[in-house]
Amino acid sequence: LWCAAQNPPRPWVGEDTQRVQISFPTYNAEYGLMTMTGVNMFISRGMRIQTRIEMQSLWMDPFAVSWGELIKMLVCDFIWLAMLVYVLVTEIQDIVHALKVGEGPHWYNTLW
């Protein structure tokens, strides 16, 4: 495969290529579903190509589900957010503690 935009023209898949990825979005209007499909081709040094297809979907209107599904989704969102806040708070406490205990007048050396 040659890339005509280059001067001189040369192939866009060469010896250094390890992965080629092609991604495209699709929309299913009947279900209101947007899907990003990605085709990854991993190329080994022996020119063996392994293919992996990944799809990520999302609803265009996440609240257009039944109350049972909506409550499950909101509980999971709350748990995820609580865990994220916990990690943020503990990391900030760890940084503050490292700065207080740090040696010498150069406080930024304690972060290395």
PDB file of N, CA and C in Angstrom:
ATOM      1  N   LEU A   1       0.846  -1.178   0.000  1.00  0.00           N
ATOM      2  CA  LEU A   1       0.000   0.000   0.000  1.00  0.00           C
ATOM      3  C   LEU A   1       0.889   1.238   0.000  1.00  0.00           C
ATOM      4  N   TRP A   2       0.641   2.117  -0.935  1.00  0.00           N
ATOM      5  CA  TRP A   2       1.478   3.303  -1.109  1.00  0.00           C
ATOM      6  C   TRP A   2       0.702   4.552  -0.739  1.00  0.00           C
ATOM      7  N   CYS A   3       1.402   5.513  -0.166  1.00  0.00           N
ATOM      8  CA  CYS A   3       0.800   6.798   0.175  1.00  0.00           C
ATOM      9  C   CYS A   3       1.224   7.809  -0.880  1.00  0.00           C
ATOM     10  N   ALA A   4       0.286   8.226  -1.713  1.00  0.00           N
ATOM     11  CA  ALA A   4       0.607   9.110  -2.826  1.00  0.00           C
ATOM     12  C   ALA A   4       0.930  10.527  -2.371  1.00  0.00           C
ATOM     13  N   ALA A   5       0.528  10.928  -1.156  1.00  0.00           N
ATOM     14  CA  ALA A   5       0.765  12.298  -0.697  1.00  0.00           C
ATOM     15  C   ALA A   5       2.222  12.536  -0.324  1.00  0.00           C
ATOM     16  N   GLN A   6       2.998  11.483  -0.113  1.00  0.00           N
ATOM     17  CA  GLN A   6       4.395  11.641   0.265  1.00  0.00           C
ATOM     18  C   GLN A   6       5.262  11.806  -0.969  1.00  0.00           C
ATOM     19  N   ASN A   7       6.331  12.537  -0.793  1.00  0.00           N
ATOM     20  CA  ASN A   7       7.263  12.736  -1.896  1.00  0.00           C
ATOM     21  C   ASN A   7       8.647  12.316  -1.435  1.00  0.00           C
ATOM     22  N   PRO A   8       9.256  11.290  -1.929  1.00  0.00           N
ATOM     23  CA  PRO A   8       8.758  10.317  -2.908  1.00  0.00           C
ATOM     24  C   PRO A   8       7.740   9.381  -2.270  1.00  0.00           C
ATOM     25  N   PRO A   9       6.841   8.812  -3.086  1.00  0.00           N
ATOM     26  CA  PRO A   9       5.831   7.906  -2.554  1.00  0.00           C
ATOM     27  C   PRO A   9       6.483   6.677  -1.918  1.00  0.00           C
ATOM     28  N   ARG A  10       5.980   6.297  -0.754  1.00  0.00           N
ATOM     29  CA  ARG A  10       6.494   5.124  -0.075  1.00  0.00           C
ATOM     30  C   ARG A  10       5.344   4.450   0.670  1.00  0.00           C
ATOM     31  N   PRO A  11       5.498   3.186   1.043  1.00  0.00           N
ATOM     32  CA  PRO A  11       4.397   2.477   1.713  1.00  0.00           C
ATOM     33  C   PRO A  11       4.142   3.027   3.108  1.00  0.00           C
ATOM     34  N   TRP A  12       2.875   3.043   3.539  1.00  0.00           N
ATOM     35  CA  TRP A  12       2.545   3.540   4.864  1.00  0.00           C
ATOM     36  C   TRP A  12       2.600   2.437   5.909  1.00  0.00           C
ATOM     37  N   VAL A  13       2.699   1.198   5.480  1.00  0.00           N
ATOM     38  CA  VAL A  13       2.958   0.086   6.386  1.00  0.00           C
ATOM     39  C   VAL A  13       4.372  -0.381   6.099  1.00  0.00           C
ATOM     40  N   GLY A  14       5.261  -0.145   7.063  1.00  0.00           N
ATOM     41  CA  GLY A  14       6.652  -0.499   6.862  1.00  0.00           C
ATOM     42  C   GLY A  14       7.143  -1.479   7.911  1.00  0.00           C
ATOM     43  N   GLU A  15       8.475  -1.593   8.011  1.00  0.00           N
ATOM     44  CA  GLU A  15       9.071  -2.532   8.956  1.00  0.00           C
ATOM     45  C   GLU A  15       8.835  -2.125  10.407  1.00  0.00           C
ATOM     46  N   ASP A  16       8.671  -0.834  10.664  1.00  0.00           N
ATOM     47  CA  ASP A  16       8.485  -0.345  12.026  1.00  0.00           C
ATOM     48  C   ASP A  16       7.033  -0.404  12.497  1.00  0.00           C
ATOM     49  N   THR A  17       6.117  -0.721  11.617  1.00  0.00           N
ATOM     50  CA  THR A  17       4.694  -0.725  11.964  1.00  0.00           C
ATOM     51  C   THR A  17       4.383  -1.886  12.893  1.00  0.00           C
ATOM     52  N   GLN A  18       3.766  -1.580  14.044  1.00  0.00           N
ATOM     53  CA  GLN A  18       3.370  -2.616  14.990  1.00  0.00           C
ATOM     54  C   GLN A  18       1.858  -2.793  15.054  1.00  0.00           C
ATOM     55  N   ARG A  19       1.116  -1.708  14.755  1.00  0.00           N
ATOM     56  CA  ARG A  19      -0.337  -1.796  14.847  1.00  0.00           C
ATOM     57  C   ARG A  19      -0.973  -0.851  13.837  1.00  0.00           C
ATOM     58  N   VAL A  20      -2.045  -1.320  13.234  1.00  0.00           N
ATOM     59  CA  VAL A  20      -2.872  -0.491  12.362  1.00  0.00           C
ATOM     60  C   VAL A  20      -4.269  -0.507  12.960  1.00  0.00           C
ATOM     61  N   GLN A  21      -4.842   0.683  13.172  1.00  0.00           N
ATOM     62  CA  GLN A  21      -6.162   0.774  13.782  1.00  0.00           C
ATOM     63  C   GLN A  21      -7.094   1.526  12.855  1.00  0.00           C
ATOM     64  N   ILE A  22      -8.264   0.951  12.651  1.00  0.00           N
ATOM     65  CA  ILE A  22      -9.315   1.593  11.861  1.00  0.00           C
ATOM     66  C   ILE A  22     -10.540   1.688  12.756  1.00  0.00           C
ATOM     67  N   SER A  23     -11.058   2.902  12.967  1.00  0.00           N
ATOM     68  CA  SER A  23     -12.227   3.114  13.819  1.00  0.00           C
ATOM     69  C   SER A  23     -13.296   3.864  13.046  1.00  0.00           C
ATOM     70  N   PHE A  24     -14.541   3.505  13.305  1.00  0.00           N
ATOM     71  CA  PHE A  24     -15.645   4.209  12.665  1.00  0.00           C
ATOM     72  C   PHE A  24     -16.878   4.144  13.562  1.00  0.00           C
ATOM     73  N   PRO A  25     -17.639   5.249  13.605  1.00  0.00           N
ATOM     74  CA  PRO A  25     -18.870   5.257  14.408  1.00  0.00           C
ATOM     75  C   PRO A  25     -20.074   4.811  13.570  1.00  0.00           C
ATOM     76  N   THR A  26     -21.028   4.169  14.234  1.00  0.00           N
ATOM     77  CA  THR A  26     -22.295   3.830  13.588  1.00  0.00           C
ATOM     78  C   THR A  26     -23.422   4.234  14.528  1.00  0.00           C
ATOM     79  N   TYR A  27     -24.580   4.525  13.952  1.00  0.00           N
ATOM     80  CA  TYR A  27     -25.745   4.944  14.738  1.00  0.00           C
ATOM     81  C   TYR A  27     -26.929   4.066  14.380  1.00  0.00           C
ATOM     82  N   ASN A  28     -27.567   3.480  15.383  1.00  0.00           N
ATOM     83  CA  ASN A  28     -28.759   2.674  15.199  1.00  0.00           C
ATOM     84  C   ASN A  28     -29.942   3.509  15.668  1.00  0.00           C
ATOM     85  N   ALA A  29     -30.680   4.075  14.733  1.00  0.00           N
ATOM     86  CA  ALA A  29     -31.783   4.978  15.061  1.00  0.00           C
ATOM     87  C   ALA A  29     -32.956   4.256  15.722  1.00  0.00           C
ATOM     88  N   GLU A  30     -33.129   2.964  15.438  1.00  0.00           N
ATOM     89  CA  GLU A  30     -34.243   2.234  16.023  1.00  0.00           C
ATOM     90  C   GLU A  30     -34.097   2.106  17.535  1.00  0.00           C
ATOM     91  N   TYR A  31     -32.871   1.901  18.005  1.00  0.00           N
ATOM     92  CA  TYR A  31     -32.627   1.750  19.432  1.00  0.00           C
ATOM     93  C   TYR A  31     -31.997   2.999  20.055  1.00  0.00           C
ATOM     94  N   GLY A  32     -31.637   3.995  19.263  1.00  0.00           N
ATOM     95  CA  GLY A  32     -30.984   5.185  19.778  1.00  0.00           C
ATOM     96  C   GLY A  32     -29.603   4.852  20.335  1.00  0.00           C
ATOM     97  N   LEU A  33     -28.865   4.034  19.620  1.00  0.00           N
ATOM     98  CA  LEU A  33     -27.591   3.500  20.092  1.00  0.00           C
ATOM     99  C   LEU A  33     -26.455   3.962  19.179  1.00  0.00           C
ATOM    100  N   MET A  34     -25.419   4.521  19.768  1.00  0.00           N
ATOM    101  CA  MET A  34     -24.229   4.939  19.029  1.00  0.00           C
ATOM    102  C   MET A  34     -23.119   3.945  19.355  1.00  0.00           C
ATOM    103  N   THR A  35     -22.458   3.419  18.334  1.00  0.00           N
ATOM    104  CA  THR A  35     -21.416   2.415  18.531  1.00  0.00           C
ATOM    105  C   THR A  35     -20.136   2.857  17.830  1.00  0.00           C
ATOM    106  N   MET A  36     -19.018   2.786  18.567  1.00  0.00           N
ATOM    107  CA  MET A  36     -17.699   3.032  17.979  1.00  0.00           C
ATOM    108  C   MET A  36     -17.044   1.669  17.790  1.00  0.00           C
ATOM    109  N   THR A  37     -16.808   1.321  16.551  1.00  0.00           N
ATOM    110  CA  THR A  37     -16.197   0.039  16.221  1.00  0.00           C
ATOM    111  C   THR A  37     -14.749   0.275  15.838  1.00  0.00           C
ATOM    112  N   GLY A  38     -13.856  -0.465  16.458  1.00  0.00           N
ATOM    113  CA  GLY A  38     -12.435  -0.346  16.154  1.00  0.00           C
ATOM    114  C   GLY A  38     -11.868  -1.684  15.745  1.00  0.00           C
ATOM    115  N   VAL A  39     -11.148  -1.691  14.635  1.00  0.00           N
ATOM    116  CA  VAL A  39     -10.472  -2.891  14.171  1.00  0.00           C
ATOM    117  C   VAL A  39      -8.982  -2.650  14.353  1.00  0.00           C
ATOM    118  N   ASN A  40      -8.363  -3.438  15.223  1.00  0.00           N
ATOM    119  CA  ASN A  40      -6.930  -3.324  15.486  1.00  0.00           C
ATOM    120  C   ASN A  40      -6.233  -4.511  14.853  1.00  0.00           C
ATOM    121  N   MET A  41      -5.213  -4.228  14.053  1.00  0.00           N
ATOM    122  CA  MET A  41      -4.403  -5.279  13.452  1.00  0.00           C
ATOM    123  C   MET A  41      -2.993  -5.151  13.999  1.00  0.00           C
ATOM    124  N   PHE A  42      -2.578  -6.136  14.795  1.00  0.00           N
ATOM    125  CA  PHE A  42      -1.250  -6.157  15.381  1.00  0.00           C
ATOM    126  C   PHE A  42      -0.344  -6.954  14.459  1.00  0.00           C
ATOM    127  N   ILE A  43       0.767  -6.338  14.073  1.00  0.00           N
ATOM    128  CA  ILE A  43       1.676  -6.951  13.114  1.00  0.00           C
ATOM    129  C   ILE A  43       2.955  -7.344  13.835  1.00  0.00           C
ATOM    130  N   SER A  44       3.284  -8.642  13.821  1.00  0.00           N
ATOM    131  CA  SER A  44       4.502  -9.105  14.471  1.00  0.00           C
ATOM    132  C   SER A  44       5.680  -8.950  13.514  1.00  0.00           C
ATOM    133  N   ARG A  45       6.866  -9.190  14.027  1.00  0.00           N
ATOM    134  CA  ARG A  45       8.067  -9.043  13.195  1.00  0.00           C
ATOM    135  C   ARG A  45       8.105 -10.067  12.074  1.00  0.00           C
ATOM    136  N   GLY A  46       7.445 -11.191  12.260  1.00  0.00           N
ATOM    137  CA  GLY A  46       7.380 -12.219  11.224  1.00  0.00           C
ATOM    138  C   GLY A  46       6.225 -12.001  10.269  1.00  0.00           C
ATOM    139  N   MET A  47       5.613 -10.802  10.319  1.00  0.00           N
ATOM    140  CA  MET A  47       4.488 -10.396   9.468  1.00  0.00           C
ATOM    141  C   MET A  47       3.229 -11.233   9.716  1.00  0.00           C
ATOM    142  N   ARG A  48       3.082 -11.754  10.932  1.00  0.00           N
ATOM    143  CA  ARG A  48       1.839 -12.406  11.310  1.00  0.00           C
ATOM    144  C   ARG A  48       0.895 -11.326  11.804  1.00  0.00           C
ATOM    145  N   ILE A  49      -0.310 -11.296  11.298  1.00  0.00           N
ATOM    146  CA  ILE A  49      -1.275 -10.254  11.653  1.00  0.00           C
ATOM    147  C   ILE A  49      -2.353 -10.867  12.553  1.00  0.00           C
ATOM    148  N   GLN A  50      -2.477 -10.299  13.764  1.00  0.00           N
ATOM    149  CA  GLN A  50      -3.536 -10.700  14.684  1.00  0.00           C
ATOM    150  C   GLN A  50      -4.568  -9.576  14.700  1.00  0.00           C
ATOM    151  N   THR A  51      -5.819  -9.916  14.553  1.00  0.00           N
ATOM    152  CA  THR A  51      -6.885  -8.932  14.473  1.00  0.00           C
ATOM    153  C   THR A  51      -7.716  -8.963  15.746  1.00  0.00           C
ATOM    154  N   ARG A  52      -8.047  -7.766  16.222  1.00  0.00           N
ATOM    155  CA  ARG A  52      -8.922  -7.639  17.392  1.00  0.00           C
ATOM    156  C   ARG A  52      -9.976  -6.578  17.065  1.00  0.00           C
ATOM    157  N   ILE A  53     -11.225  -6.945  17.240  1.00  0.00           N
ATOM    158  CA  ILE A  53     -12.327  -6.023  16.971  1.00  0.00           C
ATOM    159  C   ILE A  53     -12.951  -5.634  18.302  1.00  0.00           C
ATOM    160  N   GLU A  54     -13.024  -4.322  18.552  1.00  0.00           N
ATOM    161  CA  GLU A  54     -13.591  -3.813  19.801  1.00  0.00           C
ATOM    162  C   GLU A  54     -14.758  -2.891  19.486  1.00  0.00           C
ATOM    163  N   MET A  55     -15.837  -3.046  20.246  1.00  0.00           N
ATOM    164  CA  MET A  55     -17.004  -2.183  20.071  1.00  0.00           C
ATOM    165  C   MET A  55     -17.373  -1.547  21.396  1.00  0.00           C
ATOM    166  N   GLN A  56     -17.641  -0.251  21.358  1.00  0.00           N
ATOM    167  CA  GLN A  56     -18.089   0.489  22.534  1.00  0.00           C
ATOM    168  C   GLN A  56     -19.397   1.172  22.159  1.00  0.00           C
ATOM    169  N   SER A  57     -20.430   0.913  22.941  1.00  0.00           N
ATOM    170  CA  SER A  57     -21.744   1.467  22.630  1.00  0.00           C
ATOM    171  C   SER A  57     -22.249   2.334  23.766  1.00  0.00           C
ATOM    172  N   LEU A  58     -23.101   3.279  23.413  1.00  0.00           N
ATOM    173  CA  LEU A  58     -23.761   4.108  24.414  1.00  0.00           C
ATOM    174  C   LEU A  58     -25.125   4.516  23.889  1.00  0.00           C
ATOM    175  N   TRP A  59     -26.027   4.706  24.849  1.00  0.00           N
ATOM    176  CA  TRP A  59     -27.371   5.157  24.501  1.00  0.00           C
ATOM    177  C   TRP A  59     -27.334   6.663  24.310  1.00  0.00           C
ATOM    178  N   MET A  60     -28.027   7.156  23.321  1.00  0.00           N
ATOM    179  CA  MET A  60     -28.073   8.596  23.089  1.00  0.00           C
ATOM    180  C   MET A  60     -28.852   9.289  24.206  1.00  0.00           C
ATOM    181  N   ASP A  61     -29.843   8.626  24.785  1.00  0.00           N
ATOM    182  CA  ASP A  61     -30.585   9.156  25.924  1.00  0.00           C
ATOM    183  C   ASP A  61     -30.506   8.134  27.055  1.00  0.00           C
ATOM    184  N   PRO A  62     -29.566   8.291  27.989  1.00  0.00           N
ATOM    185  CA  PRO A  62     -29.388   7.277  29.024  1.00  0.00           C
ATOM    186  C   PRO A  62     -30.562   7.160  29.993  1.00  0.00           C
ATOM    187  N   PHE A  63     -31.456   8.148  30.036  1.00  0.00           N
ATOM    188  CA  PHE A  63     -32.589   8.117  30.960  1.00  0.00           C
ATOM    189  C   PHE A  63     -33.852   7.545  30.321  1.00  0.00           C
ATOM    190  N   ALA A  64     -33.749   7.004  29.121  1.00  0.00           N
ATOM    191  CA  ALA A  64     -34.906   6.426  28.437  1.00  0.00           C
ATOM    192  C   ALA A  64     -35.002   4.930  28.711  1.00  0.00           C
ATOM    193  N   VAL A  65     -34.741   4.544  29.955  1.00  0.00           N
ATOM    194  CA  VAL A  65     -34.842   3.139  30.359  1.00  0.00           C
ATOM    195  C   VAL A  65     -35.841   3.048  31.506  1.00  0.00           C
ATOM    196  N   SER A  66     -36.143   1.832  31.911  1.00  0.00           N
ATOM    197  CA  SER A  66     -37.099   1.649  33.007  1.00  0.00           C
ATOM    198  C   SER A  66     -36.485   2.130  34.322  1.00  0.00           C
ATOM    199  N   TRP A  67     -37.357   2.363  35.322  1.00  0.00           N
ATOM    200  CA  TRP A  67     -36.876   2.860  36.611  1.00  0.00           C
ATOM    201  C   TRP A  67     -35.929   1.873  37.281  1.00  0.00           C
ATOM    202  N   GLY A  68     -36.188   0.589  37.127  1.00  0.00           N
ATOM    203  CA  GLY A  68     -35.303  -0.416  37.720  1.00  0.00           C
ATOM    204  C   GLY A  68     -33.887  -0.324  37.164  1.00  0.00           C
ATOM    205  N   GLU A  69     -33.784  -0.204  35.843  1.00  0.00           N
ATOM    206  CA  GLU A  69     -32.465  -0.069  35.217  1.00  0.00           C
ATOM    207  C   GLU A  69     -31.821   1.263  35.586  1.00  0.00           C
ATOM    208  N   LEU A  70     -32.621   2.320  35.667  1.00  0.00           N
ATOM    209  CA  LEU A  70     -32.087   3.645  35.989  1.00  0.00           C
ATOM    210  C   LEU A  70     -31.530   3.690  37.412  1.00  0.00           C
ATOM    211  N   ILE A  71     -32.230   3.054  38.356  1.00  0.00           N
ATOM    212  CA  ILE A  71     -31.751   3.049  39.742  1.00  0.00           C
ATOM    213  C   ILE A  71     -30.444   2.265  39.856  1.00  0.00           C
ATOM    214  N   LYS A  72     -30.356   1.106  39.149  1.00  0.00           N
ATOM    215  CA  LYS A  72     -29.101   0.344  39.151  1.00  0.00           C
ATOM    216  C   LYS A  72     -27.951   1.185  38.595  1.00  0.00           C
ATOM    217  N   MET A  73     -28.207   1.898  37.514  1.00  0.00           N
ATOM    218  CA  MET A  73     -27.176   2.718  36.888  1.00  0.00           C
ATOM    219  C   MET A  73     -26.742   3.852  37.816  1.00  0.00           C
ATOM    220  N   LEU A  74     -27.696   4.499  38.481  1.00  0.00           N
ATOM    221  CA  LEU A  74     -27.354   5.603  39.373  1.00  0.00           C
ATOM    222  C   LEU A  74     -26.608   5.117  40.618  1.00  0.00           C
ATOM    223  N   VAL A  75     -26.946   3.941  41.133  1.00  0.00           N
ATOM    224  CA  VAL A  75     -26.220   3.376  42.279  1.00  0.00           C
ATOM    225  C   VAL A  75     -24.773   3.078  41.875  1.00  0.00           C
ATOM    226  N   CYS A  76     -24.585   2.478  40.716  1.00  0.00           N
ATOM    227  CA  CYS A  76     -23.223   2.191  40.246  1.00  0.00           C
ATOM    228  C   CYS A  76     -22.448   3.486  40.008  1.00  0.00           C
ATOM    229  N   ASP A  77     -23.091   4.505  39.454  1.00  0.00           N
ATOM    230  CA  ASP A  77     -22.429   5.799  39.256  1.00  0.00           C
ATOM    231  C   ASP A  77     -22.022   6.417  40.590  1.00  0.00           C
ATOM    232  N   PHE A  78     -22.886   6.316  41.600  1.00  0.00           N
ATOM    233  CA  PHE A  78     -22.564   6.876  42.909  1.00  0.00           C
ATOM    234  C   PHE A  78     -21.387   6.135  43.549  1.00  0.00           C
ATOM    235  N   ILE A  79     -21.385   4.804  43.451  1.00  0.00           N
ATOM    236  CA  ILE A  79     -20.271   4.020  44.014  1.00  0.00           C
ATOM    237  C   ILE A  79     -18.964   4.386  43.314  1.00  0.00           C
ATOM    238  N   TRP A  80     -18.990   4.485  41.996  1.00  0.00           N
ATOM    239  CA  TRP A  80     -17.785   4.857  41.240  1.00  0.00           C
ATOM    240  C   TRP A  80     -17.295   6.243  41.652  1.00  0.00           C
ATOM    241  N   LEU A  81     -18.216   7.195  41.787  1.00  0.00           N
ATOM    242  CA  LEU A  81     -17.839   8.550  42.175  1.00  0.00           C
ATOM    243  C   LEU A  81     -17.282   8.585  43.597  1.00  0.00           C
ATOM    244  N   ALA A  82     -17.879   7.823  44.525  1.00  0.00           N
ATOM    245  CA  ALA A  82     -17.373   7.775  45.897  1.00  0.00           C
ATOM    246  C   ALA A  82     -15.967   7.188  45.939  1.00  0.00           C
ATOM    247  N   MET A  83     -15.707   6.146  45.167  1.00  0.00           N
ATOM    248  CA  MET A  83     -14.366   5.557  45.131  1.00  0.00           C
ATOM    249  C   MET A  83     -13.361   6.532  44.529  1.00  0.00           C
ATOM    250  N   LEU A  84     -13.762   7.271  43.511  1.00  0.00           N
ATOM    251  CA  LEU A  84     -12.881   8.254  42.892  1.00  0.00           C
ATOM    252  C   LEU A  84     -12.537   9.374  43.866  1.00  0.00           C
ATOM    253  N   VAL A  85     -13.526   9.864  44.616  1.00  0.00           N
ATOM    254  CA  VAL A  85     -13.277  10.908  45.619  1.00  0.00           C
ATOM    255  C   VAL A  85     -12.378  10.375  46.725  1.00  0.00           C
ATOM    256  N   TYR A  86     -12.584   9.121  47.149  1.00  0.00           N
ATOM    257  CA  TYR A  86     -11.733   8.519  48.180  1.00  0.00           C
ATOM    258  C   TYR A  86     -10.269   8.472  47.729  1.00  0.00           C
ATOM    259  N   VAL A  87     -10.028   8.030  46.510  1.00  0.00           N
ATOM    260  CA  VAL A  87      -8.656   7.967  45.994  1.00  0.00           C
ATOM    261  C   VAL A  87      -8.056   9.366  45.917  1.00  0.00           C
ATOM    262  N   LEU A  88      -8.815  10.341  45.450  1.00  0.00           N
ATOM    263  CA  LEU A  88      -8.327  11.716  45.353  1.00  0.00           C
ATOM    264  C   LEU A  88      -7.949  12.274  46.723  1.00  0.00           C
ATOM    265  N   VAL A  89      -8.812  12.081  47.716  1.00  0.00           N
ATOM    266  CA  VAL A  89      -8.545  12.601  49.058  1.00  0.00           C
ATOM    267  C   VAL A  89      -7.322  11.934  49.667  1.00  0.00           C
ATOM    268  N   THR A  90      -7.206  10.607  49.559  1.00  0.00           N
ATOM    269  CA  THR A  90      -6.048   9.921  50.147  1.00  0.00           C
ATOM    270  C   THR A  90      -4.753  10.294  49.435  1.00  0.00           C
ATOM    271  N   GLU A  91      -4.787  10.508  48.133  1.00  0.00           N
ATOM    272  CA  GLU A  91      -3.580  10.930  47.422  1.00  0.00           C
ATOM    273  C   GLU A  91      -3.157  12.338  47.851  1.00  0.00           C
ATOM    274  N   ILE A  92      -4.121  13.235  48.016  1.00  0.00           N
ATOM    275  CA  ILE A  92      -3.792  14.592  48.469  1.00  0.00           C
ATOM    276  C   ILE A  92      -3.227  14.548  49.885  1.00  0.00           C
ATOM    277  N   GLN A  93      -3.799  13.732  50.768  1.00  0.00           N
ATOM    278  CA  GLN A  93      -3.264  13.594  52.121  1.00  0.00           C
ATOM    279  C   GLN A  93      -1.837  13.049  52.091  1.00  0.00           C
ATOM    280  N   ASP A  94      -1.560  12.105  51.226  1.00  0.00           N
ATOM    281  CA  ASP A  94      -0.219  11.538  51.111  1.00  0.00           C
ATOM    282  C   ASP A  94       0.780  12.584  50.620  1.00  0.00           C
ATOM    283  N   ILE A  95       0.378  13.415  49.670  1.00  0.00           N
ATOM    284  CA  ILE A  95       1.265  14.471  49.167  1.00  0.00           C
ATOM    285  C   ILE A  95       1.533  15.507  50.255  1.00  0.00           C
ATOM    286  N   VAL A  96       0.492  15.909  50.980  1.00  0.00           N
ATOM    287  CA  VAL A  96       0.665  16.894  52.059  1.00  0.00           C
ATOM    288  C   VAL A  96       1.587  16.333  53.134  1.00  0.00           C
ATOM    289  N   HIS A  97       1.412  15.072  53.494  1.00  0.00           N
ATOM    290  CA  HIS A  97       2.284  14.451  54.490  1.00  0.00           C
ATOM    291  C   HIS A  97       3.738  14.409  53.993  1.00  0.00           C
ATOM    292  N   ALA A  98       3.945  14.079  52.726  1.00  0.00           N
ATOM    293  CA  ALA A  98       5.304  14.034  52.178  1.00  0.00           C
ATOM    294  C   ALA A  98       5.940  15.416  52.177  1.00  0.00           C
ATOM    295  N   LEU A  99       5.150  16.437  51.934  1.00  0.00           N
ATOM    296  CA  LEU A  99       5.697  17.801  51.932  1.00  0.00           C
ATOM    297  C   LEU A  99       6.047  18.262  53.345  1.00  0.00           C
ATOM    298  N   LYS A 100       5.242  17.868  54.347  1.00  0.00           N
ATOM    299  CA  LYS A 100       5.516  18.269  55.728  1.00  0.00           C
ATOM    300  C   LYS A 100       6.754  17.568  56.278  1.00  0.00           C
ATOM    301  N   VAL A 101       6.946  16.310  55.922  1.00  0.00           N
ATOM    302  CA  VAL A 101       8.061  15.531  56.440  1.00  0.00           C
ATOM    303  C   VAL A 101       9.324  15.749  55.594  1.00  0.00           C
ATOM    304  N   GLY A 102       9.190  16.371  54.454  1.00  0.00           N
ATOM    305  CA  GLY A 102      10.297  16.545  53.509  1.00  0.00           C
ATOM    306  C   GLY A 102      11.541  17.154  54.132  1.00  0.00           C
ATOM    307  N   GLU A 103      12.682  16.809  53.550  1.00  0.00           N
ATOM    308  CA  GLU A 103      13.958  17.261  54.085  1.00  0.00           C
ATOM    309  C   GLU A 103      14.437  18.508  53.349  1.00  0.00           C
ATOM    310  N   GLY A 104      15.058  19.410  54.072  1.00  0.00           N
ATOM    311  CA  GLY A 104      15.696  20.577  53.472  1.00  0.00           C
ATOM    312  C   GLY A 104      14.725  21.661  53.068  1.00  0.00           C
ATOM    313  N   PRO A 105      15.290  22.772  52.600  1.00  0.00           N
ATOM    314  CA  PRO A 105      14.451  23.920  52.225  1.00  0.00           C
ATOM    315  C   PRO A 105      13.743  23.746  50.879  1.00  0.00           C
ATOM    316  N   HIS A 106      14.169  22.791  50.106  1.00  0.00           N
ATOM    317  CA  HIS A 106      13.570  22.604  48.783  1.00  0.00           C
ATOM    318  C   HIS A 106      12.460  21.555  48.878  1.00  0.00           C
ATOM    319  N   TRP A 107      11.222  22.007  49.061  1.00  0.00           N
ATOM    320  CA  TRP A 107      10.084  21.129  49.274  1.00  0.00           C
ATOM    321  C   TRP A 107       9.814  20.236  48.077  1.00  0.00           C
ATOM    322  N   TYR A 108      10.172  20.696  46.883  1.00  0.00           N
ATOM    323  CA  TYR A 108       9.836  19.933  45.681  1.00  0.00           C
ATOM    324  C   TYR A 108      10.716  18.689  45.547  1.00  0.00           C
ATOM    325  N   ASN A 109      11.809  18.599  46.254  1.00  0.00           N
ATOM    326  CA  ASN A 109      12.648  17.392  46.200  1.00  0.00           C
ATOM    327  C   ASN A 109      11.966  16.195  46.851  1.00  0.00           C
ATOM    328  N   THR A 110      11.010  16.429  47.743  1.00  0.00           N
ATOM    329  CA  THR A 110      10.327  15.307  48.387  1.00  0.00           C
ATOM    330  C   THR A 110       9.406  14.572  47.432  1.00  0.00           C
ATOM    331  N   LEU A 111       8.997  15.213  46.357  1.00  0.00           N
ATOM    332  CA  LEU A 111       8.095  14.566  45.393  1.00  0.00           C
ATOM    333  C   LEU A 111       8.846  13.669  44.414  1.00  0.00           C
ATOM    334  N   TRP A 112      10.156  13.745  44.353  1.00  0.00           N
ATOM    335  CA  TRP A 112      10.919  12.895  43.437  1.00  0.00           C
ATOM    336  C   TRP A 112      11.180  11.630  44.099  1.00  0.00           C
TER     337      TRP A 112
END
